[in-house]
PDB file of N, CA and C in Angstrom:
ATOM      1  N   MET A   1       0.910  -1.028   0.037  1.00  0.00           N
ATOM      2  CA  MET A   1      -0.096  -0.035  -0.038  1.00  0.00           C
ATOM      3  C   MET A   1       0.911   1.302   0.002  1.00  0.00           C
ATOM      4  N   GLY A   2       0.456   2.099  -0.384  1.00  0.00           N
ATOM      5  CA  GLY A   2       0.971   3.573  -0.475  1.00  0.00           C
ATOM      6  C   GLY A   2       0.028   4.799  -0.488  1.00  0.00           C
ATOM      7  N   VAL A   3       0.424   5.840  -0.821  1.00  0.00           N
ATOM      8  CA  VAL A   3      -0.116   7.114  -1.074  1.00  0.00           C
ATOM      9  C   VAL A   3      -0.789   7.215  -2.217  1.00  0.00           C
ATOM     10  N   VAL A   4      -2.260   7.778  -2.191  1.00  0.00           N
ATOM     11  CA  VAL A   4      -2.773   7.730  -3.603  1.00  0.00           C
ATOM     12  C   VAL A   4      -3.613   9.319  -3.393  1.00  0.00           C
ATOM     13  N   TYR A   5      -3.019   9.664  -4.842  1.00  0.00           N
ATOM     14  CA  TYR A   5      -3.528  11.369  -5.253  1.00  0.00           C
ATOM     15  C   TYR A   5      -4.446  11.050  -6.079  1.00  0.00           C
ATOM     16  N   THR A   6      -5.388  11.856  -6.033  1.00  0.00           N
ATOM     17  CA  THR A   6      -6.423  12.019  -7.252  1.00  0.00           C
ATOM     18  C   THR A   6      -6.134  13.394  -7.831  1.00  0.00           C
ATOM     19  N   ILE A   7      -5.628  13.630  -9.234  1.00  0.00           N
ATOM     20  CA  ILE A   7      -5.317  14.855  -9.620  1.00  0.00           C
ATOM     21  C   ILE A   7      -6.462  14.893 -11.221  1.00  0.00           C
ATOM     22  N   PHE A   8      -6.448  16.268 -11.200  1.00  0.00           N
ATOM     23  CA  PHE A   8      -6.742  16.417 -12.849  1.00  0.00           C
ATOM     24  C   PHE A   8      -6.016  16.073 -13.822  1.00  0.00           C
ATOM     25  N   GLU A   9      -6.217  15.396 -14.977  1.00  0.00           N
ATOM     26  CA  GLU A   9      -5.471  14.909 -15.690  1.00  0.00           C
ATOM     27  C   GLU A   9      -4.629  16.110 -16.251  1.00  0.00           C
ATOM     28  N   ARG A  10      -5.221  17.261 -16.363  1.00  0.00           N
ATOM     29  CA  ARG A  10      -4.291  18.384 -16.889  1.00  0.00           C
ATOM     30  C   ARG A  10      -2.947  18.621 -16.065  1.00  0.00           C
ATOM     31  N   ASP A  11      -2.794  18.005 -14.686  1.00  0.00           N
ATOM     32  CA  ASP A  11      -2.127  18.270 -13.825  1.00  0.00           C
ATOM     33  C   ASP A  11      -0.904  17.122 -13.841  1.00  0.00           C
ATOM     34  N   TYR A  12      -1.057  16.284 -14.450  1.00  0.00           N
ATOM     35  CA  TYR A  12      -0.304  15.135 -14.546  1.00  0.00           C
ATOM     36  C   TYR A  12       0.881  15.192 -14.612  1.00  0.00           C
ATOM     37  N   LEU A  13       1.621  15.541 -15.531  1.00  0.00           N
ATOM     38  CA  LEU A  13       3.055  16.025 -16.026  1.00  0.00           C
ATOM     39  C   LEU A  13       3.885  16.789 -14.580  1.00  0.00           C
ATOM     40  N   LEU A  14       3.161  17.859 -14.313  1.00  0.00           N
ATOM     41  CA  LEU A  14       3.462  18.618 -13.237  1.00  0.00           C
ATOM     42  C   LEU A  14       3.744  17.767 -11.878  1.00  0.00           C
ATOM     43  N   ALA A  15       2.692  16.963 -11.616  1.00  0.00           N
ATOM     44  CA  ALA A  15       2.526  15.771 -10.297  1.00  0.00           C
ATOM     45  C   ALA A  15       3.665  14.920 -10.649  1.00  0.00           C
ATOM     46  N   ARG A  16       3.712  14.384 -11.701  1.00  0.00           N
ATOM     47  CA  ARG A  16       4.727  13.213 -11.949  1.00  0.00           C
ATOM     48  C   ARG A  16       6.065  14.184 -11.676  1.00  0.00           C
ATOM     49  N   ASN A  17       6.373  15.113 -12.267  1.00  0.00           N
ATOM     50  CA  ASN A  17       7.541  15.652 -12.307  1.00  0.00           C
ATOM     51  C   ASN A  17       8.273  16.209 -10.935  1.00  0.00           C
ATOM     52  N   VAL A  18       7.135  16.371 -10.036  1.00  0.00           N
ATOM     53  CA  VAL A  18       7.431  16.645  -8.713  1.00  0.00           C
ATOM     54  C   VAL A  18       7.753  15.394  -7.751  1.00  0.00           C
ATOM     55  N   LEU A  19       6.741  14.424  -8.074  1.00  0.00           N
ATOM     56  CA  LEU A  19       7.080  13.095  -7.414  1.00  0.00           C
ATOM     57  C   LEU A  19       8.272  12.395  -7.897  1.00  0.00           C
ATOM     58  N   ASN A  20       8.709  12.422  -9.030  1.00  0.00           N
ATOM     59  CA  ASN A  20      10.136  12.130  -9.787  1.00  0.00           C
ATOM     60  C   ASN A  20      10.883  12.530  -9.018  1.00  0.00           C
ATOM     61  N   ALA A  21      10.963  13.866  -8.902  1.00  0.00           N
ATOM     62  CA  ALA A  21      12.164  14.539  -8.177  1.00  0.00           C
ATOM     63  C   ALA A  21      12.326  14.392  -6.703  1.00  0.00           C
ATOM     64  N   LEU A  22      11.103  13.757  -6.278  1.00  0.00           N
ATOM     65  CA  LEU A  22      11.060  13.204  -4.935  1.00  0.00           C
ATOM     66  C   LEU A  22      11.556  11.599  -4.638  1.00  0.00           C
ATOM     67  N   ASN A  23      12.180  10.996  -5.826  1.00  0.00           N
ATOM     68  CA  ASN A  23      12.413   9.814  -5.934  1.00  0.00           C
ATOM     69  C   ASN A  23      11.021   8.722  -5.716  1.00  0.00           C
ATOM     70  N   VAL A  24      10.076   9.338  -6.203  1.00  0.00           N
ATOM     71  CA  VAL A  24       8.769   8.616  -5.898  1.00  0.00           C
ATOM     72  C   VAL A  24       8.172   8.319  -7.531  1.00  0.00           C
ATOM     73  N   SER A  25       8.038   7.195  -7.789  1.00  0.00           N
ATOM     74  CA  SER A  25       7.527   6.649  -9.106  1.00  0.00           C
ATOM     75  C   SER A  25       5.793   6.624  -9.198  1.00  0.00           C
ATOM     76  N   PRO A  26       5.159   7.316  -9.648  1.00  0.00           N
ATOM     77  CA  PRO A  26       3.738   7.289  -9.478  1.00  0.00           C
ATOM     78  C   PRO A  26       3.020   6.351 -10.420  1.00  0.00           C
ATOM     79  N   VAL A  27       2.199   5.752 -10.078  1.00  0.00           N
ATOM     80  CA  VAL A  27       1.268   4.763 -11.201  1.00  0.00           C
ATOM     81  C   VAL A  27       0.011   5.637 -11.425  1.00  0.00           C
ATOM     82  N   TYR A  28      -0.132   5.996 -12.827  1.00  0.00           N
ATOM     83  CA  TYR A  28      -1.326   6.684 -13.178  1.00  0.00           C
ATOM     84  C   TYR A  28      -2.323   5.932 -13.484  1.00  0.00           C
ATOM     85  N   THR A  29      -3.646   6.078 -13.227  1.00  0.00           N
ATOM     86  CA  THR A  29      -4.854   5.560 -13.739  1.00  0.00           C
ATOM     87  C   THR A  29      -5.500   6.646 -14.277  1.00  0.00           C
ATOM     88  N   LYS A  30      -5.769   6.742 -15.638  1.00  0.00           N
ATOM     89  CA  LYS A  30      -6.640   7.314 -16.133  1.00  0.00           C
ATOM     90  C   LYS A  30      -8.162   7.227 -16.108  1.00  0.00           C
ATOM     91  N   ASP A  31      -8.890   8.173 -16.659  1.00  0.00           N
ATOM     92  CA  ASP A  31     -10.221   8.026 -16.933  1.00  0.00           C
ATOM     93  C   ASP A  31     -11.036   7.417 -15.761  1.00  0.00           C
ATOM     94  N   CYS A  32     -10.883   8.265 -14.827  1.00  0.00           N
ATOM     95  CA  CYS A  32     -11.779   8.012 -13.381  1.00  0.00           C
ATOM     96  C   CYS A  32     -12.771   9.036 -13.300  1.00  0.00           C
ATOM     97  N   ALA A  33     -13.839   8.581 -12.499  1.00  0.00           N
ATOM     98  CA  ALA A  33     -14.747   9.550 -12.073  1.00  0.00           C
ATOM     99  C   ALA A  33     -15.146   9.225 -10.485  1.00  0.00           C
ATOM    100  N   LYS A  34     -15.350  10.592  -9.962  1.00  0.00           N
ATOM    101  CA  LYS A  34     -15.894  10.538  -8.609  1.00  0.00           C
ATOM    102  C   LYS A  34     -17.048  10.513  -8.270  1.00  0.00           C
ATOM    103  N   VAL A  35     -17.766   9.413  -7.534  1.00  0.00           N
ATOM    104  CA  VAL A  35     -19.089   9.911  -7.316  1.00  0.00           C
ATOM    105  C   VAL A  35     -19.231   9.875  -5.732  1.00  0.00           C
ATOM    106  N   SER A  36     -20.142  10.921  -5.582  1.00  0.00           N
ATOM    107  CA  SER A  36     -20.207  11.506  -4.169  1.00  0.00           C
ATOM    108  C   SER A  36     -21.757  11.526  -3.883  1.00  0.00           C
ATOM    109  N   LEU A  37     -22.026  10.954  -2.599  1.00  0.00           N
ATOM    110  CA  LEU A  37     -23.364  10.978  -1.967  1.00  0.00           C
ATOM    111  C   LEU A  37     -23.234  11.906  -0.893  1.00  0.00           C
ATOM    112  N   VAL A  38     -24.285  12.723  -0.992  1.00  0.00           N
ATOM    113  CA  VAL A  38     -24.089  13.703   0.040  1.00  0.00           C
ATOM    114  C   VAL A  38     -25.276  13.952   0.598  1.00  0.00           C
ATOM    115  N   GLY A  39     -25.709  14.234   1.908  1.00  0.00           N
ATOM    116  CA  GLY A  39     -27.004  14.245   2.385  1.00  0.00           C
ATOM    117  C   GLY A  39     -26.510  14.399   3.939  1.00  0.00           C
ATOM    118  N   ALA A  40     -27.468  15.169   4.596  1.00  0.00           N
ATOM    119  CA  ALA A  40     -27.155  15.422   6.300  1.00  0.00           C
ATOM    120  C   ALA A  40     -27.826  14.199   6.954  1.00  0.00           C
ATOM    121  N   GLY A  41     -28.864  13.467   6.429  1.00  0.00           N
ATOM    122  CA  GLY A  41     -29.351  12.175   6.931  1.00  0.00           C
ATOM    123  C   GLY A  41     -28.165  11.070   7.054  1.00  0.00           C
ATOM    124  N   MET A  42     -27.452  10.997   6.222  1.00  0.00           N
ATOM    125  CA  MET A  42     -26.187   9.958   6.604  1.00  0.00           C
ATOM    126  C   MET A  42     -25.526  10.090   7.776  1.00  0.00           C
ATOM    127  N   SER A  43     -25.376  11.246   8.524  1.00  0.00           N
ATOM    128  CA  SER A  43     -24.594  11.423   9.376  1.00  0.00           C
ATOM    129  C   SER A  43     -24.969  10.528  10.521  1.00  0.00           C
ATOM    130  N   GLY A  44     -24.241   9.631  11.108  1.00  0.00           N
ATOM    131  CA  GLY A  44     -24.530   8.468  12.189  1.00  0.00           C
ATOM    132  C   GLY A  44     -25.148   7.290  11.785  1.00  0.00           C
ATOM    133  N   LEU A  45     -25.746   7.440  10.256  1.00  0.00           N
ATOM    134  CA  LEU A  45     -26.597   6.164   9.964  1.00  0.00           C
ATOM    135  C   LEU A  45     -25.778   5.013   9.482  1.00  0.00           C
ATOM    136  N   PRO A  46     -25.526   4.121  10.372  1.00  0.00           N
ATOM    137  CA  PRO A  46     -24.818   3.080   9.899  1.00  0.00           C
ATOM    138  C   PRO A  46     -25.312   2.027   8.817  1.00  0.00           C
ATOM    139  N   GLY A  47     -24.288   1.562   8.142  1.00  0.00           N
ATOM    140  CA  GLY A  47     -24.498   0.817   6.906  1.00  0.00           C
ATOM    141  C   GLY A  47     -24.521   1.719   5.497  1.00  0.00           C
ATOM    142  N   VAL A  48     -24.297   3.139   5.685  1.00  0.00           N
ATOM    143  CA  VAL A  48     -24.527   3.658   4.271  1.00  0.00           C
ATOM    144  C   VAL A  48     -23.376   3.360   3.313  1.00  0.00           C
ATOM    145  N   THR A  49     -22.044   3.234   3.963  1.00  0.00           N
ATOM    146  CA  THR A  49     -20.813   2.669   3.147  1.00  0.00           C
ATOM    147  C   THR A  49     -21.063   1.525   2.688  1.00  0.00           C
ATOM    148  N   SER A  50     -21.339   0.667   3.493  1.00  0.00           N
ATOM    149  CA  SER A  50     -21.642  -0.785   3.234  1.00  0.00           C
ATOM    150  C   SER A  50     -22.677  -0.993   1.975  1.00  0.00           C
ATOM    151  N   LYS A  51     -23.728  -0.224   1.814  1.00  0.00           N
ATOM    152  CA  LYS A  51     -24.585  -0.210   0.833  1.00  0.00           C
ATOM    153  C   LYS A  51     -24.036   0.111  -0.453  1.00  0.00           C
ATOM    154  N   ILE A  52     -23.321   1.239  -0.319  1.00  0.00           N
ATOM    155  CA  ILE A  52     -22.553   1.886  -1.583  1.00  0.00           C
ATOM    156  C   ILE A  52     -21.735   0.665  -2.020  1.00  0.00           C
ATOM    157  N   VAL A  53     -20.735   0.050  -1.084  1.00  0.00           N
ATOM    158  CA  VAL A  53     -19.814  -0.889  -1.669  1.00  0.00           C
ATOM    159  C   VAL A  53     -20.588  -2.274  -2.229  1.00  0.00           C
ATOM    160  N   GLN A  54     -21.794  -2.800  -1.561  1.00  0.00           N
ATOM    161  CA  GLN A  54     -22.293  -3.785  -1.966  1.00  0.00           C
ATOM    162  C   GLN A  54     -23.146  -3.777  -3.432  1.00  0.00           C
ATOM    163  N   THR A  55     -23.588  -2.325  -3.523  1.00  0.00           N
ATOM    164  CA  THR A  55     -24.348  -2.111  -4.747  1.00  0.00           C
ATOM    165  C   THR A  55     -23.222  -1.998  -5.929  1.00  0.00           C
ATOM    166  N   LEU A  56     -22.196  -1.513  -5.975  1.00  0.00           N
ATOM    167  CA  LEU A  56     -21.093  -1.563  -6.836  1.00  0.00           C
ATOM    168  C   LEU A  56     -20.557  -2.788  -7.147  1.00  0.00           C
ATOM    169  N   ALA A  57     -20.097  -3.437  -5.961  1.00  0.00           N
ATOM    170  CA  ALA A  57     -19.720  -4.907  -6.073  1.00  0.00           C
ATOM    171  C   ALA A  57     -20.768  -5.754  -6.875  1.00  0.00           C
ATOM    172  N   ASN A  58     -22.056  -5.569  -6.600  1.00  0.00           N
ATOM    173  CA  ASN A  58     -23.072  -6.477  -7.464  1.00  0.00           C
ATOM    174  C   ASN A  58     -22.905  -6.093  -8.862  1.00  0.00           C
ATOM    175  N   LYS A  59     -22.550  -5.071  -9.365  1.00  0.00           N
ATOM    176  CA  LYS A  59     -22.550  -4.658 -10.757  1.00  0.00           C
ATOM    177  C   LYS A  59     -20.864  -4.710 -11.070  1.00  0.00           C
ATOM    178  N   GLN A  60     -20.004  -5.434 -10.522  1.00  0.00           N
ATOM    179  CA  GLN A  60     -18.735  -5.597 -10.920  1.00  0.00           C
ATOM    180  C   GLN A  60     -17.854  -4.449 -11.085  1.00  0.00           C
ATOM    181  N   ILE A  61     -18.341  -3.491 -10.314  1.00  0.00           N
ATOM    182  CA  ILE A  61     -17.487  -2.147 -10.437  1.00  0.00           C
ATOM    183  C   ILE A  61     -16.474  -1.931  -9.344  1.00  0.00           C
ATOM    184  N   PRO A  62     -15.239  -1.829  -9.674  1.00  0.00           N
ATOM    185  CA  PRO A  62     -14.278  -1.801  -8.634  1.00  0.00           C
ATOM    186  C   PRO A  62     -14.359  -0.421  -8.011  1.00  0.00           C
ATOM    187  N   ILE A  63     -13.915  -0.198  -6.786  1.00  0.00           N
ATOM    188  CA  ILE A  63     -13.901   0.951  -6.208  1.00  0.00           C
ATOM    189  C   ILE A  63     -12.413   1.263  -6.068  1.00  0.00           C
ATOM    190  N   LEU A  64     -11.648   1.963  -6.539  1.00  0.00           N
ATOM    191  CA  LEU A  64     -10.207   2.405  -6.811  1.00  0.00           C
ATOM    192  C   LEU A  64      -9.873   3.549  -5.472  1.00  0.00           C
ATOM    193  N   GLN A  65     -10.616   4.205  -4.893  1.00  0.00           N
ATOM    194  CA  GLN A  65     -10.381   5.109  -3.739  1.00  0.00           C
ATOM    195  C   GLN A  65     -11.759   5.526  -3.259  1.00  0.00           C
ATOM    196  N   SER A  66     -11.794   5.621  -2.182  1.00  0.00           N
ATOM    197  CA  SER A  66     -13.127   6.138  -1.156  1.00  0.00           C
ATOM    198  C   SER A  66     -12.605   6.927   0.095  1.00  0.00           C
ATOM    199  N   ALA A  67     -13.571   7.822   0.457  1.00  0.00           N
ATOM    200  CA  ALA A  67     -13.243   8.605   1.615  1.00  0.00           C
ATOM    201  C   ALA A  67     -14.939   9.019   1.829  1.00  0.00           C
ATOM    202  N   ASP A  68     -14.761   9.579   3.180  1.00  0.00           N
ATOM    203  CA  ASP A  68     -15.911  10.056   3.926  1.00  0.00           C
ATOM    204  C   ASP A  68     -15.885  10.966   4.842  1.00  0.00           C
ATOM    205  N   SER A  69     -16.877  11.639   5.004  1.00  0.00           N
ATOM    206  CA  SER A  69     -16.738  12.798   6.035  1.00  0.00           C
ATOM    207  C   SER A  69     -18.238  12.804   6.685  1.00  0.00           C
ATOM    208  N   HIS A  70     -18.768  13.642   7.571  1.00  0.00           N
ATOM    209  CA  HIS A  70     -19.965  13.774   8.135  1.00  0.00           C
ATOM    210  C   HIS A  70     -21.365  13.508   7.352  1.00  0.00           C
ATOM    211  N   ARG A  71     -21.223  14.143   6.128  1.00  0.00           N
ATOM    212  CA  ARG A  71     -22.195  14.134   5.246  1.00  0.00           C
ATOM    213  C   ARG A  71     -21.763  13.844   3.770  1.00  0.00           C
ATOM    214  N   THR A  72     -20.581  13.276   3.711  1.00  0.00           N
ATOM    215  CA  THR A  72     -20.388  13.076   2.042  1.00  0.00           C
ATOM    216  C   THR A  72     -19.564  11.628   2.161  1.00  0.00           C
ATOM    217  N   ILE A  73     -19.976  10.664   1.354  1.00  0.00           N
ATOM    218  CA  ILE A  73     -19.207   9.665   1.022  1.00  0.00           C
ATOM    219  C   ILE A  73     -18.989   9.759  -0.445  1.00  0.00           C
ATOM    220  N   TRP A  74     -17.637   9.359  -0.731  1.00  0.00           N
ATOM    221  CA  TRP A  74     -17.136   9.029  -2.042  1.00  0.00           C
ATOM    222  C   TRP A  74     -16.444   8.441  -2.702  1.00  0.00           C
ATOM    223  N   VAL A  75     -16.923   7.641  -3.946  1.00  0.00           N
ATOM    224  CA  VAL A  75     -16.031   6.678  -4.356  1.00  0.00           C
ATOM    225  C   VAL A  75     -15.173   6.956  -5.802  1.00  0.00           C
ATOM    226  N   LEU A  76     -14.129   6.599  -6.035  1.00  0.00           N
ATOM    227  CA  LEU A  76     -13.605   6.682  -7.110  1.00  0.00           C
ATOM    228  C   LEU A  76     -13.485   5.456  -8.224  1.00  0.00           C
ATOM    229  N   ILE A  77     -14.288   5.428  -9.412  1.00  0.00           N
ATOM    230  CA  ILE A  77     -14.364   4.609 -10.036  1.00  0.00           C
ATOM    231  C   ILE A  77     -13.571   4.782 -11.679  1.00  0.00           C
ATOM    232  N   GLN A  78     -13.814   3.724 -12.463  1.00  0.00           N
ATOM    233  CA  GLN A  78     -13.360   3.946 -13.735  1.00  0.00           C
ATOM    234  C   GLN A  78     -14.639   4.682 -14.335  1.00  0.00           C
ATOM    235  N   ASN A  79     -14.299   5.812 -15.316  1.00  0.00           N
ATOM    236  CA  ASN A  79     -15.221   6.420 -15.996  1.00  0.00           C
ATOM    237  C   ASN A  79     -16.277   5.569 -16.647  1.00  0.00           C
ATOM    238  N   GLU A  80     -15.710   4.490 -17.204  1.00  0.00           N
ATOM    239  CA  GLU A  80     -16.779   3.262 -18.075  1.00  0.00           C
ATOM    240  C   GLU A  80     -17.660   3.103 -17.355  1.00  0.00           C
ATOM    241  N   HIS A  81     -17.500   2.945 -15.762  1.00  0.00           N
ATOM    242  CA  HIS A  81     -18.685   2.308 -15.129  1.00  0.00           C
ATOM    243  C   HIS A  81     -19.486   3.343 -14.247  1.00  0.00           C
ATOM    244  N   LEU A  82     -19.511   4.707 -14.853  1.00  0.00           N
ATOM    245  CA  LEU A  82     -20.179   5.925 -14.186  1.00  0.00           C
ATOM    246  C   LEU A  82     -21.573   5.635 -14.636  1.00  0.00           C
ATOM    247  N   GLU A  83     -22.119   5.459 -15.654  1.00  0.00           N
ATOM    248  CA  GLU A  83     -23.699   5.520 -15.770  1.00  0.00           C
ATOM    249  C   GLU A  83     -24.339   4.513 -15.003  1.00  0.00           C
ATOM    250  N   THR A  84     -23.578   3.109 -15.178  1.00  0.00           N
ATOM    251  CA  THR A  84     -24.071   2.037 -14.361  1.00  0.00           C
ATOM    252  C   THR A  84     -24.092   2.134 -12.795  1.00  0.00           C
ATOM    253  N   ALA A  85     -22.931   2.777 -12.227  1.00  0.00           N
ATOM    254  CA  ALA A  85     -22.862   3.002 -11.007  1.00  0.00           C
ATOM    255  C   ALA A  85     -24.221   4.115 -10.458  1.00  0.00           C
ATOM    256  N   LEU A  86     -24.193   4.993 -11.173  1.00  0.00           N
ATOM    257  CA  LEU A  86     -24.910   6.083 -10.682  1.00  0.00           C
ATOM    258  C   LEU A  86     -26.731   5.429 -10.749  1.00  0.00           C
ATOM    259  N   ASN A  87     -26.843   4.739 -11.851  1.00  0.00           N
ATOM    260  CA  ASN A  87     -28.185   4.076 -12.032  1.00  0.00           C
ATOM    261  C   ASN A  87     -28.500   3.078 -10.739  1.00  0.00           C
ATOM    262  N   ALA A  88     -27.339   2.378 -10.468  1.00  0.00           N
ATOM    263  CA  ALA A  88     -27.327   1.192  -9.478  1.00  0.00           C
ATOM    264  C   ALA A  88     -27.586   1.984  -8.179  1.00  0.00           C
ATOM    265  N   LEU A  89     -26.805   3.048  -7.828  1.00  0.00           N
ATOM    266  CA  LEU A  89     -26.796   3.744  -6.438  1.00  0.00           C
ATOM    267  C   LEU A  89     -28.309   4.257  -6.316  1.00  0.00           C
ATOM    268  N   HIS A  90     -28.947   4.919  -7.439  1.00  0.00           N
ATOM    269  CA  HIS A  90     -30.117   5.433  -7.300  1.00  0.00           C
ATOM    270  C   HIS A  90     -30.880   4.647  -6.729  1.00  0.00           C
ATOM    271  N   VAL A  91     -31.041   3.369  -7.441  1.00  0.00           N
ATOM    272  CA  VAL A  91     -32.114   2.498  -7.164  1.00  0.00           C
ATOM    273  C   VAL A  91     -31.891   1.803  -5.763  1.00  0.00           C
ATOM    274  N   ALA A  92     -30.558   1.639  -5.291  1.00  0.00           N
ATOM    275  CA  ALA A  92     -30.255   1.152  -4.143  1.00  0.00           C
ATOM    276  C   ALA A  92     -30.799   2.256  -2.867  1.00  0.00           C
ATOM    277  N   PHE A  93     -30.487   3.474  -3.292  1.00  0.00           N
ATOM    278  CA  PHE A  93     -30.934   4.484  -2.415  1.00  0.00           C
ATOM    279  C   PHE A  93     -32.357   4.971  -2.461  1.00  0.00           C
ATOM    280  N   GLN A  94     -33.128   4.416  -3.414  1.00  0.00           N
ATOM    281  CA  GLN A  94     -34.598   4.797  -3.866  1.00  0.00           C
ATOM    282  C   GLN A  94     -34.694   6.353  -4.024  1.00  0.00           C
ATOM    283  N   LEU A  95     -33.673   6.773  -5.194  1.00  0.00           N
ATOM    284  CA  LEU A  95     -33.652   8.291  -5.451  1.00  0.00           C
ATOM    285  C   LEU A  95     -34.222   8.225  -6.796  1.00  0.00           C
ATOM    286  N   GLU A  96     -34.826   7.064  -7.668  1.00  0.00           N
ATOM    287  CA  GLU A  96     -35.523   7.266  -8.813  1.00  0.00           C
ATOM    288  C   GLU A  96     -36.679   8.074  -8.961  1.00  0.00           C
TER     289      GLU A  96
END
């Protein structure tokens, strides 16, 4: 395991050069999408992250990175899975 950075593609060369100068060889994963679930109702509600992970796993969508705060949970996925992920999460959280 290491450190993971999420950057805009336009900043890749600059980031790579800075990291290389620090003797770090980054692995670059292109074409990612960040999907965020936001809502005050999630705060303190157990099982929300589990529901997100299970929903995406059921669609064979790998989660590349994730993070959460009191009102936001986000996952990083490959852009090719974005539409499927959004549709599945809308159904799972009854937002359709």
